[in-house]
């Protein structure tokens, strides 16, 4: 009798662990989205690994910039392409370091767009019209990476994926971004 009870309790504990393990990124992503929509800077500061996110964004923007420079025939013909490729990472790096703040993360989630560094820092806003609705899709990329993909109704071909990374058994933080494959 005691042995059956111990087995049942063990199975129940195992089931609870599996459910909590699988559901933890959903809860973290939901919390992140809610904090971004309400502009809760403190919650965003707790839920975002800013140094890792900045590195990821720099990598994504540099990759896109390199693709654009290679496609621009004017740069290749003038010999400026090489100079641009040397200077681009420094320019992108400085802009990203200054730009990536809780407010910028909130605005990115609200608008469903890749962040664009500007001179003044953006303030979180409500979406202006229904045709710019942001859709979300959620899913695992691997056991330790969970993606929240944002797609605008008015720009269905452009997606921004916020990548949450596992930090401990049940903890998750926004640590990377995927702007989609550069063309």
N, C-alpha and C. Protein backbone atom coordinates (compact mmCIF):
# COMPACT_ATOMS: atom_id res chain seq x y z
N UNK A 1 0.82 -1.19 0.00
CA UNK A 1 0.00 0.00 0.00
C UNK A 1 0.87 1.26 0.00
N UNK A 2 1.84 1.32 0.85
CA UNK A 2 2.72 2.48 0.91
C UNK A 2 3.53 2.63 -0.36
N UNK A 3 3.92 1.50 -0.94
CA UNK A 3 4.72 1.55 -2.16
C UNK A 3 3.92 2.14 -3.32
N UNK A 4 2.65 1.79 -3.45
CA UNK A 4 1.80 2.34 -4.51
C UNK A 4 1.60 3.85 -4.32
N UNK A 5 1.43 4.26 -3.09
CA UNK A 5 1.26 5.68 -2.79
C UNK A 5 2.53 6.45 -3.16
N UNK A 6 3.68 5.91 -2.83
CA UNK A 6 4.95 6.57 -3.16
C UNK A 6 5.13 6.67 -4.67
N UNK A 7 4.79 5.61 -5.39
CA UNK A 7 4.89 5.62 -6.86
C UNK A 7 3.95 6.67 -7.44
N UNK A 8 2.73 6.73 -6.96
CA UNK A 8 1.76 7.72 -7.46
C UNK A 8 2.22 9.15 -7.17
N UNK A 9 2.72 9.36 -5.97
CA UNK A 9 3.21 10.70 -5.63
C UNK A 9 4.42 11.07 -6.49
N UNK A 10 5.29 10.11 -6.73
CA UNK A 10 6.44 10.35 -7.60
C UNK A 10 6.01 10.69 -9.02
N UNK A 11 5.05 9.95 -9.55
CA UNK A 11 4.54 10.23 -10.89
C UNK A 11 3.85 11.59 -10.96
N UNK A 12 3.08 11.92 -9.91
CA UNK A 12 2.42 13.23 -9.88
C UNK A 12 3.45 14.35 -9.82
N UNK A 13 4.48 14.17 -9.00
CA UNK A 13 5.53 15.19 -8.90
C UNK A 13 6.25 15.32 -10.23
N UNK A 14 6.53 14.22 -10.90
CA UNK A 14 7.17 14.25 -12.22
C UNK A 14 6.32 14.98 -13.24
N UNK A 15 5.01 14.72 -13.22
CA UNK A 15 4.10 15.37 -14.16
C UNK A 15 4.05 16.87 -13.90
N UNK A 16 4.00 17.27 -12.64
CA UNK A 16 3.99 18.69 -12.29
C UNK A 16 5.28 19.35 -12.77
N UNK A 17 6.41 18.69 -12.58
CA UNK A 17 7.69 19.23 -13.02
C UNK A 17 7.70 19.43 -14.54
N UNK A 18 7.26 18.43 -15.30
CA UNK A 18 7.26 18.52 -16.76
C UNK A 18 6.35 19.66 -17.23
N UNK A 19 5.19 19.77 -16.64
CA UNK A 19 4.27 20.85 -17.02
C UNK A 19 4.87 22.21 -16.70
N UNK A 20 5.45 22.35 -15.51
CA UNK A 20 6.06 23.63 -15.13
C UNK A 20 7.25 23.95 -16.03
N UNK A 21 8.04 22.95 -16.36
CA UNK A 21 9.21 23.14 -17.21
C UNK A 21 8.79 23.59 -18.61
N UNK A 22 7.75 22.96 -19.15
CA UNK A 22 7.28 23.31 -20.49
C UNK A 22 6.53 24.64 -20.52
N UNK A 23 5.84 24.98 -19.44
CA UNK A 23 5.02 26.19 -19.42
C UNK A 23 5.81 27.43 -19.00
N UNK A 24 6.98 27.27 -18.41
CA UNK A 24 7.72 28.42 -17.90
C UNK A 24 8.03 29.46 -18.97
N UNK A 25 8.41 29.11 -20.20
CA UNK A 25 8.65 30.18 -21.19
C UNK A 25 7.37 30.88 -21.62
N UNK A 26 6.25 30.17 -21.62
CA UNK A 26 4.98 30.81 -21.96
C UNK A 26 4.63 31.90 -20.94
N UNK A 27 4.82 31.57 -19.67
CA UNK A 27 4.53 32.55 -18.63
C UNK A 27 5.49 33.73 -18.71
N UNK A 28 6.77 33.46 -18.94
CA UNK A 28 7.76 34.53 -19.05
C UNK A 28 7.48 35.42 -20.26
N UNK A 29 7.15 34.81 -21.40
CA UNK A 29 6.85 35.59 -22.61
C UNK A 29 5.59 36.43 -22.41
N UNK A 30 4.60 35.84 -21.80
CA UNK A 30 3.36 36.58 -21.54
C UNK A 30 3.64 37.78 -20.63
N UNK A 31 4.45 37.57 -19.61
CA UNK A 31 4.81 38.65 -18.70
C UNK A 31 5.59 39.75 -19.43
N UNK A 32 6.52 39.35 -20.30
CA UNK A 32 7.29 40.32 -21.08
C UNK A 32 6.39 41.15 -21.98
N UNK A 33 5.48 40.49 -22.69
CA UNK A 33 4.57 41.19 -23.60
C UNK A 33 3.68 42.15 -22.82
N UNK A 34 3.18 41.70 -21.69
CA UNK A 34 2.31 42.56 -20.87
C UNK A 34 3.08 43.78 -20.36
N UNK A 35 4.30 43.57 -19.89
CA UNK A 35 5.12 44.69 -19.41
C UNK A 35 5.40 45.67 -20.54
N UNK A 36 5.65 45.15 -21.74
CA UNK A 36 5.92 46.02 -22.89
C UNK A 36 4.68 46.81 -23.28
N UNK A 37 3.54 46.17 -23.27
CA UNK A 37 2.30 46.86 -23.66
C UNK A 37 1.92 47.96 -22.67
N UNK A 38 2.22 47.74 -21.40
CA UNK A 38 1.87 48.74 -20.40
C UNK A 38 3.00 49.74 -20.16
N UNK A 39 4.17 49.48 -20.76
CA UNK A 39 5.31 50.37 -20.58
C UNK A 39 5.94 50.27 -19.20
N UNK A 40 5.83 49.12 -18.56
CA UNK A 40 6.38 48.91 -17.21
C UNK A 40 7.90 48.71 -17.31
N UNK A 41 8.64 49.80 -17.14
CA UNK A 41 10.10 49.77 -17.31
C UNK A 41 10.79 48.85 -16.31
N UNK A 42 10.35 48.85 -15.08
CA UNK A 42 11.00 47.99 -14.07
C UNK A 42 10.83 46.52 -14.41
N UNK A 43 9.64 46.14 -14.83
CA UNK A 43 9.42 44.74 -15.21
C UNK A 43 10.27 44.38 -16.42
N UNK A 44 10.37 45.28 -17.38
CA UNK A 44 11.20 45.02 -18.56
C UNK A 44 12.67 44.90 -18.18
N UNK A 45 13.13 45.72 -17.26
CA UNK A 45 14.53 45.63 -16.82
C UNK A 45 14.82 44.27 -16.20
N UNK A 46 13.84 43.69 -15.50
CA UNK A 46 14.02 42.37 -14.89
C UNK A 46 13.95 41.25 -15.93
N UNK A 47 13.22 41.47 -17.02
CA UNK A 47 12.94 40.39 -17.96
C UNK A 47 13.82 40.40 -19.21
N UNK A 48 14.69 41.39 -19.33
CA UNK A 48 15.54 41.49 -20.52
C UNK A 48 17.00 41.45 -20.09
N UNK A 49 17.77 40.62 -20.76
CA UNK A 49 19.22 40.59 -20.58
C UNK A 49 19.77 41.60 -21.60
N UNK A 50 19.88 42.86 -21.19
CA UNK A 50 20.23 43.93 -22.11
C UNK A 50 21.58 43.73 -22.80
N UNK A 51 22.64 43.33 -22.09
CA UNK A 51 23.91 43.13 -22.81
C UNK A 51 23.80 42.06 -23.91
N UNK A 52 23.17 40.94 -23.62
CA UNK A 52 23.03 39.89 -24.63
C UNK A 52 22.12 40.35 -25.77
N UNK A 53 21.05 41.07 -25.45
CA UNK A 53 20.13 41.56 -26.48
C UNK A 53 20.85 42.55 -27.40
N UNK A 54 21.67 43.43 -26.83
CA UNK A 54 22.41 44.40 -27.64
C UNK A 54 23.37 43.69 -28.61
N UNK A 55 24.08 42.70 -28.11
CA UNK A 55 25.00 41.95 -28.97
C UNK A 55 24.24 41.30 -30.12
N UNK A 56 23.12 40.68 -29.81
CA UNK A 56 22.31 40.02 -30.84
C UNK A 56 21.80 41.03 -31.87
N UNK A 57 21.31 42.16 -31.41
CA UNK A 57 20.79 43.19 -32.32
C UNK A 57 21.90 43.74 -33.20
N UNK A 58 23.08 43.97 -32.62
CA UNK A 58 24.22 44.44 -33.42
C UNK A 58 24.56 43.44 -34.51
N UNK A 59 24.60 42.16 -34.17
CA UNK A 59 24.89 41.13 -35.17
C UNK A 59 23.85 41.13 -36.29
N UNK A 60 22.58 41.23 -35.92
CA UNK A 60 21.50 41.22 -36.92
C UNK A 60 21.59 42.45 -37.84
N UNK A 61 21.76 43.61 -37.24
CA UNK A 61 21.81 44.84 -38.05
C UNK A 61 23.06 44.90 -38.92
N UNK A 62 24.20 44.44 -38.38
CA UNK A 62 25.43 44.40 -39.20
C UNK A 62 25.26 43.46 -40.39
N UNK A 63 24.65 42.32 -40.17
CA UNK A 63 24.42 41.38 -41.27
C UNK A 63 23.53 42.00 -42.34
N UNK A 64 22.48 42.67 -41.90
CA UNK A 64 21.60 43.33 -42.87
C UNK A 64 22.31 44.44 -43.63
N UNK A 65 23.12 45.22 -42.91
CA UNK A 65 23.82 46.32 -43.54
C UNK A 65 24.82 45.80 -44.58
N UNK A 66 25.51 44.72 -44.27
CA UNK A 66 26.47 44.15 -45.21
C UNK A 66 25.77 43.67 -46.48
N UNK A 67 24.62 43.04 -46.32
CA UNK A 67 23.86 42.58 -47.48
C UNK A 67 23.44 43.77 -48.34
N UNK A 68 22.96 44.83 -47.68
CA UNK A 68 22.54 46.02 -48.43
C UNK A 68 23.70 46.68 -49.15
N UNK A 69 24.86 46.72 -48.51
CA UNK A 69 26.03 47.34 -49.15
C UNK A 69 26.48 46.52 -50.36
N UNK A 70 26.41 45.22 -50.24
CA UNK A 70 26.82 44.38 -51.38
C UNK A 70 25.86 44.52 -52.55
N UNK A 71 24.58 44.78 -52.25
CA UNK A 71 23.59 44.91 -53.32
C UNK A 71 23.65 46.27 -54.00
N UNK A 72 24.14 47.28 -53.32
CA UNK A 72 24.17 48.65 -53.86
C UNK A 72 25.36 48.79 -54.82
N UNK A 73 25.06 48.81 -56.09
CA UNK A 73 26.11 48.89 -57.12
C UNK A 73 26.88 50.21 -57.06
N UNK A 74 26.24 51.27 -56.62
CA UNK A 74 26.92 52.57 -56.54
C UNK A 74 28.11 52.50 -55.59
N UNK A 75 27.94 51.81 -54.47
CA UNK A 75 29.04 51.69 -53.51
C UNK A 75 30.19 50.86 -54.07
N UNK A 76 29.85 49.77 -54.73
CA UNK A 76 30.88 48.90 -55.30
C UNK A 76 31.67 49.59 -56.40
N UNK A 77 30.99 50.37 -57.21
CA UNK A 77 31.65 51.06 -58.30
C UNK A 77 32.58 52.17 -57.82
N UNK A 78 32.24 52.79 -56.69
CA UNK A 78 33.03 53.92 -56.23
C UNK A 78 34.16 53.50 -55.29
N UNK A 79 34.22 52.24 -54.91
CA UNK A 79 35.26 51.78 -54.00
C UNK A 79 34.95 52.07 -52.55
N UNK A 80 33.80 52.60 -52.27
CA UNK A 80 33.43 52.92 -50.89
C UNK A 80 32.88 51.71 -50.13
N UNK A 81 32.61 50.65 -50.84
CA UNK A 81 32.03 49.48 -50.20
C UNK A 81 32.92 48.94 -49.09
N UNK A 82 34.21 48.81 -49.36
CA UNK A 82 35.14 48.30 -48.34
C UNK A 82 35.21 49.20 -47.13
N UNK A 83 35.26 50.50 -47.36
CA UNK A 83 35.30 51.46 -46.25
C UNK A 83 34.01 51.38 -45.44
N UNK A 84 32.91 51.28 -46.13
CA UNK A 84 31.62 51.16 -45.45
C UNK A 84 31.54 49.91 -44.61
N UNK A 85 32.06 48.81 -45.13
CA UNK A 85 32.04 47.55 -44.38
C UNK A 85 32.95 47.61 -43.16
N UNK A 86 33.98 48.41 -43.22
CA UNK A 86 34.85 48.57 -42.05
C UNK A 86 34.21 49.45 -40.98
N UNK A 87 33.53 50.51 -41.41
CA UNK A 87 32.96 51.46 -40.46
C UNK A 87 31.59 51.05 -39.94
N UNK A 88 30.86 50.25 -40.68
CA UNK A 88 29.48 49.91 -40.33
C UNK A 88 29.34 49.33 -38.93
N UNK A 89 30.15 48.33 -38.55
CA UNK A 89 29.97 47.76 -37.20
C UNK A 89 30.13 48.79 -36.08
N UNK A 90 31.05 49.71 -36.23
CA UNK A 90 31.23 50.73 -35.18
C UNK A 90 30.03 51.66 -35.10
N UNK A 91 29.50 52.05 -36.25
CA UNK A 91 28.33 52.92 -36.27
C UNK A 91 27.12 52.23 -35.69
N UNK A 92 26.90 50.99 -36.11
CA UNK A 92 25.75 50.23 -35.60
C UNK A 92 25.91 50.00 -34.11
N UNK A 93 27.12 49.63 -33.68
CA UNK A 93 27.35 49.35 -32.27
C UNK A 93 27.03 50.52 -31.36
N UNK A 94 27.48 51.71 -31.74
CA UNK A 94 27.21 52.89 -30.94
C UNK A 94 25.73 53.23 -30.89
N UNK A 95 25.06 53.12 -32.02
CA UNK A 95 23.63 53.42 -32.06
C UNK A 95 22.84 52.42 -31.22
N UNK A 96 23.17 51.15 -31.33
CA UNK A 96 22.45 50.12 -30.57
C UNK A 96 22.66 50.32 -29.08
N UNK A 97 23.90 50.58 -28.66
CA UNK A 97 24.18 50.77 -27.24
C UNK A 97 23.34 51.91 -26.66
N UNK A 98 23.19 52.98 -27.41
CA UNK A 98 22.42 54.13 -26.94
C UNK A 98 20.92 53.90 -27.03
N UNK A 99 20.50 53.08 -27.98
CA UNK A 99 19.09 52.95 -28.29
C UNK A 99 18.36 51.90 -27.46
N UNK A 100 18.98 50.78 -27.18
CA UNK A 100 18.28 49.65 -26.55
C UNK A 100 18.03 49.96 -25.07
N UNK A 101 16.80 50.33 -24.80
CA UNK A 101 16.34 50.68 -23.46
C UNK A 101 15.01 49.97 -23.23
N UNK A 102 14.51 49.98 -22.01
CA UNK A 102 13.18 49.39 -21.79
C UNK A 102 12.10 50.05 -22.66
N UNK A 103 12.21 51.37 -22.87
CA UNK A 103 11.22 52.05 -23.72
C UNK A 103 11.28 51.55 -25.15
N UNK A 104 12.49 51.33 -25.67
CA UNK A 104 12.65 50.85 -27.04
C UNK A 104 12.10 49.44 -27.19
N UNK A 105 12.32 48.59 -26.19
CA UNK A 105 11.78 47.22 -26.22
C UNK A 105 10.26 47.29 -26.22
N UNK A 106 9.70 48.15 -25.36
CA UNK A 106 8.24 48.29 -25.29
C UNK A 106 7.68 48.74 -26.63
N UNK A 107 8.30 49.73 -27.24
CA UNK A 107 7.83 50.23 -28.53
C UNK A 107 7.93 49.16 -29.62
N UNK A 108 9.01 48.40 -29.59
CA UNK A 108 9.19 47.34 -30.58
C UNK A 108 8.07 46.30 -30.46
N UNK A 109 7.73 45.91 -29.24
CA UNK A 109 6.67 44.93 -29.03
C UNK A 109 5.31 45.51 -29.43
N UNK A 110 5.06 46.76 -29.07
CA UNK A 110 3.78 47.39 -29.39
C UNK A 110 3.58 47.54 -30.89
N UNK A 111 4.65 47.90 -31.61
CA UNK A 111 4.52 48.16 -33.04
C UNK A 111 4.87 46.96 -33.91
N UNK A 112 5.50 45.94 -33.33
CA UNK A 112 5.85 44.75 -34.10
C UNK A 112 6.88 45.02 -35.18
N UNK A 113 7.78 45.94 -34.91
CA UNK A 113 8.81 46.32 -35.89
C UNK A 113 10.19 46.17 -35.29
N UNK A 114 11.14 45.99 -36.19
CA UNK A 114 12.53 45.98 -35.77
C UNK A 114 12.87 47.37 -35.24
N UNK A 115 13.68 47.43 -34.21
CA UNK A 115 14.03 48.74 -33.67
C UNK A 115 14.84 49.56 -34.67
N UNK A 116 14.56 50.85 -34.70
CA UNK A 116 15.29 51.77 -35.57
C UNK A 116 15.84 52.88 -34.70
N UNK A 117 17.14 52.93 -34.52
CA UNK A 117 17.71 53.97 -33.68
C UNK A 117 17.37 55.37 -34.21
N UNK A 118 16.95 56.22 -33.30
CA UNK A 118 16.65 57.61 -33.63
C UNK A 118 17.40 58.50 -32.67
N UNK A 119 17.43 59.78 -32.96
CA UNK A 119 18.14 60.70 -32.09
C UNK A 119 17.45 60.81 -30.73
N UNK A 120 16.14 60.93 -30.71
CA UNK A 120 15.47 60.99 -29.42
C UNK A 120 14.86 59.63 -29.11
N UNK A 121 14.80 59.32 -27.85
CA UNK A 121 14.28 58.02 -27.43
C UNK A 121 12.77 58.00 -27.58
N UNK A 122 12.25 56.89 -28.13
CA UNK A 122 10.81 56.80 -28.33
C UNK A 122 10.07 56.56 -27.02
N UNK A 123 8.86 57.05 -26.97
CA UNK A 123 7.97 56.81 -25.84
C UNK A 123 6.98 55.73 -26.23
N UNK A 124 6.65 54.79 -25.33
CA UNK A 124 5.66 53.78 -25.67
C UNK A 124 4.33 54.42 -26.03
N UNK A 125 3.69 53.87 -27.04
CA UNK A 125 2.41 54.40 -27.50
C UNK A 125 1.47 53.24 -27.76
N UNK A 126 0.21 53.58 -27.82
CA UNK A 126 -0.78 52.59 -28.23
C UNK A 126 -0.77 52.51 -29.75
N UNK A 127 -1.03 51.33 -30.33
CA UNK A 127 -1.12 51.26 -31.79
C UNK A 127 -2.18 52.24 -32.29
N UNK A 128 -1.87 52.91 -33.40
CA UNK A 128 -2.72 54.01 -33.86
C UNK A 128 -3.96 53.56 -34.62
N UNK A 129 -3.87 52.47 -35.36
CA UNK A 129 -5.04 52.04 -36.11
C UNK A 129 -5.10 50.53 -36.18
N UNK A 130 -6.27 50.04 -36.46
CA UNK A 130 -6.50 48.59 -36.48
C UNK A 130 -5.73 47.90 -37.60
N UNK A 131 -5.45 48.59 -38.71
CA UNK A 131 -4.75 47.95 -39.81
C UNK A 131 -3.28 47.70 -39.50
N UNK A 132 -2.79 48.20 -38.37
CA UNK A 132 -1.41 47.96 -37.97
C UNK A 132 -1.36 46.99 -36.78
N UNK A 133 -2.33 46.13 -36.70
CA UNK A 133 -2.40 45.17 -35.61
C UNK A 133 -1.19 44.25 -35.64
N UNK A 134 -0.68 43.94 -34.46
CA UNK A 134 0.48 43.08 -34.34
C UNK A 134 0.03 41.70 -33.89
N UNK A 135 0.38 40.71 -34.67
CA UNK A 135 0.05 39.32 -34.33
C UNK A 135 1.28 38.67 -33.69
N UNK A 136 1.00 37.75 -32.79
CA UNK A 136 2.07 37.04 -32.11
C UNK A 136 1.94 35.55 -32.37
N UNK A 137 3.08 34.92 -32.60
CA UNK A 137 3.12 33.46 -32.61
C UNK A 137 4.25 33.05 -31.68
N UNK A 138 4.03 31.99 -30.95
CA UNK A 138 4.97 31.58 -29.92
C UNK A 138 5.39 30.14 -30.16
N UNK A 139 6.64 29.84 -29.88
CA UNK A 139 7.08 28.46 -30.00
C UNK A 139 8.54 28.28 -29.64
N UNK A 140 8.87 27.05 -29.32
CA UNK A 140 10.26 26.71 -29.00
C UNK A 140 11.09 26.69 -30.28
N UNK A 141 12.31 27.19 -30.21
CA UNK A 141 13.30 27.01 -31.29
C UNK A 141 14.19 25.84 -30.93
N UNK A 142 14.49 25.69 -29.66
CA UNK A 142 15.18 24.53 -29.13
C UNK A 142 14.83 24.47 -27.65
N UNK A 143 15.41 23.54 -26.93
CA UNK A 143 15.04 23.33 -25.53
C UNK A 143 15.28 24.56 -24.66
N UNK A 144 16.25 25.39 -25.02
CA UNK A 144 16.59 26.55 -24.21
C UNK A 144 16.31 27.88 -24.89
N UNK A 145 15.60 27.87 -26.02
CA UNK A 145 15.26 29.10 -26.74
C UNK A 145 13.78 29.07 -27.10
N UNK A 146 13.08 30.12 -26.71
CA UNK A 146 11.65 30.25 -26.98
C UNK A 146 11.45 31.55 -27.74
N UNK A 147 10.75 31.50 -28.87
CA UNK A 147 10.57 32.67 -29.73
C UNK A 147 9.15 33.21 -29.65
N UNK A 148 9.07 34.53 -29.53
CA UNK A 148 7.81 35.24 -29.69
C UNK A 148 7.97 36.03 -30.99
N UNK A 149 7.26 35.59 -32.03
CA UNK A 149 7.39 36.22 -33.35
C UNK A 149 6.26 37.23 -33.54
N UNK A 150 6.64 38.46 -33.85
CA UNK A 150 5.69 39.55 -34.04
C UNK A 150 5.56 39.84 -35.54
N UNK A 151 4.33 39.91 -36.01
CA UNK A 151 4.06 40.19 -37.42
C UNK A 151 2.94 41.22 -37.49
N UNK A 152 3.18 42.28 -38.24
CA UNK A 152 2.17 43.32 -38.44
C UNK A 152 1.24 42.92 -39.58
N UNK A 153 -0.05 43.23 -39.43
CA UNK A 153 -1.01 42.94 -40.49
C UNK A 153 -0.69 43.69 -41.77
N UNK A 154 -0.16 44.93 -41.64
CA UNK A 154 0.12 45.73 -42.82
C UNK A 154 1.49 45.41 -43.44
N UNK A 155 2.29 44.56 -42.80
CA UNK A 155 3.59 44.15 -43.34
C UNK A 155 3.81 42.66 -43.03
N UNK A 156 3.00 41.79 -43.63
CA UNK A 156 3.05 40.37 -43.28
C UNK A 156 4.36 39.67 -43.64
N UNK A 157 5.16 40.24 -44.54
CA UNK A 157 6.42 39.60 -44.93
C UNK A 157 7.56 39.92 -43.97
N UNK A 158 7.38 40.91 -43.12
CA UNK A 158 8.42 41.30 -42.17
C UNK A 158 8.06 40.80 -40.79
N UNK A 159 8.97 40.04 -40.20
CA UNK A 159 8.75 39.50 -38.87
C UNK A 159 9.92 39.85 -37.96
N UNK A 160 9.61 39.99 -36.70
CA UNK A 160 10.62 40.19 -35.67
C UNK A 160 10.40 39.10 -34.64
N UNK A 161 11.43 38.33 -34.37
CA UNK A 161 11.32 37.28 -33.36
C UNK A 161 12.14 37.66 -32.14
N UNK A 162 11.47 37.75 -31.02
CA UNK A 162 12.12 37.99 -29.75
C UNK A 162 12.50 36.63 -29.18
N UNK A 163 13.76 36.43 -28.89
CA UNK A 163 14.23 35.12 -28.45
C UNK A 163 14.50 35.14 -26.96
N UNK A 164 13.71 34.38 -26.26
CA UNK A 164 13.87 34.24 -24.82
C UNK A 164 14.79 33.04 -24.58
N UNK A 165 15.77 33.22 -23.70
CA UNK A 165 16.74 32.17 -23.40
C UNK A 165 16.55 31.71 -21.96
N UNK A 166 16.68 30.40 -21.78
CA UNK A 166 16.57 29.82 -20.45
C UNK A 166 17.76 30.27 -19.61
N UNK A 167 17.50 30.74 -18.39
CA UNK A 167 18.55 31.21 -17.50
C UNK A 167 18.78 30.26 -16.33
N UNK A 168 17.82 29.47 -15.98
CA UNK A 168 17.94 28.41 -15.00
C UNK A 168 16.81 27.42 -15.30
N UNK A 169 16.49 26.56 -14.39
CA UNK A 169 15.52 25.53 -14.69
C UNK A 169 14.18 26.08 -15.17
N UNK A 170 13.69 27.14 -14.52
CA UNK A 170 12.40 27.70 -14.88
C UNK A 170 12.46 29.18 -15.28
N UNK A 171 13.63 29.78 -15.26
CA UNK A 171 13.77 31.21 -15.54
C UNK A 171 14.10 31.48 -17.01
N UNK A 172 13.53 32.55 -17.54
CA UNK A 172 13.74 32.95 -18.93
C UNK A 172 13.93 34.45 -19.00
N UNK A 173 14.76 34.90 -19.95
CA UNK A 173 14.95 36.33 -20.21
C UNK A 173 15.03 36.56 -21.70
N UNK A 174 14.56 37.72 -22.12
CA UNK A 174 14.73 38.14 -23.50
C UNK A 174 16.23 38.41 -23.69
N UNK A 175 16.87 37.66 -24.59
CA UNK A 175 18.32 37.76 -24.72
C UNK A 175 18.79 37.91 -26.17
N UNK A 176 17.87 37.80 -27.13
CA UNK A 176 18.30 37.89 -28.53
C UNK A 176 17.10 38.31 -29.38
N UNK A 177 17.43 38.64 -30.62
CA UNK A 177 16.41 39.04 -31.59
C UNK A 177 16.78 38.42 -32.93
N UNK A 178 15.76 38.06 -33.69
CA UNK A 178 15.96 37.54 -35.04
C UNK A 178 15.10 38.42 -35.95
N UNK A 179 15.77 39.16 -36.82
CA UNK A 179 15.07 40.07 -37.73
C UNK A 179 14.69 39.40 -39.04
N UNK A 180 14.89 38.11 -39.11
CA UNK A 180 14.61 37.39 -40.34
C UNK A 180 15.83 37.38 -41.22
N UNK A 181 15.82 36.52 -42.19
CA UNK A 181 16.98 36.38 -43.08
C UNK A 181 17.12 37.61 -43.95
N UNK A 182 18.32 38.17 -44.02
CA UNK A 182 18.54 39.28 -44.94
C UNK A 182 18.42 38.79 -46.38
N UNK A 183 17.87 39.62 -47.21
CA UNK A 183 17.64 39.21 -48.61
C UNK A 183 18.91 39.21 -49.40
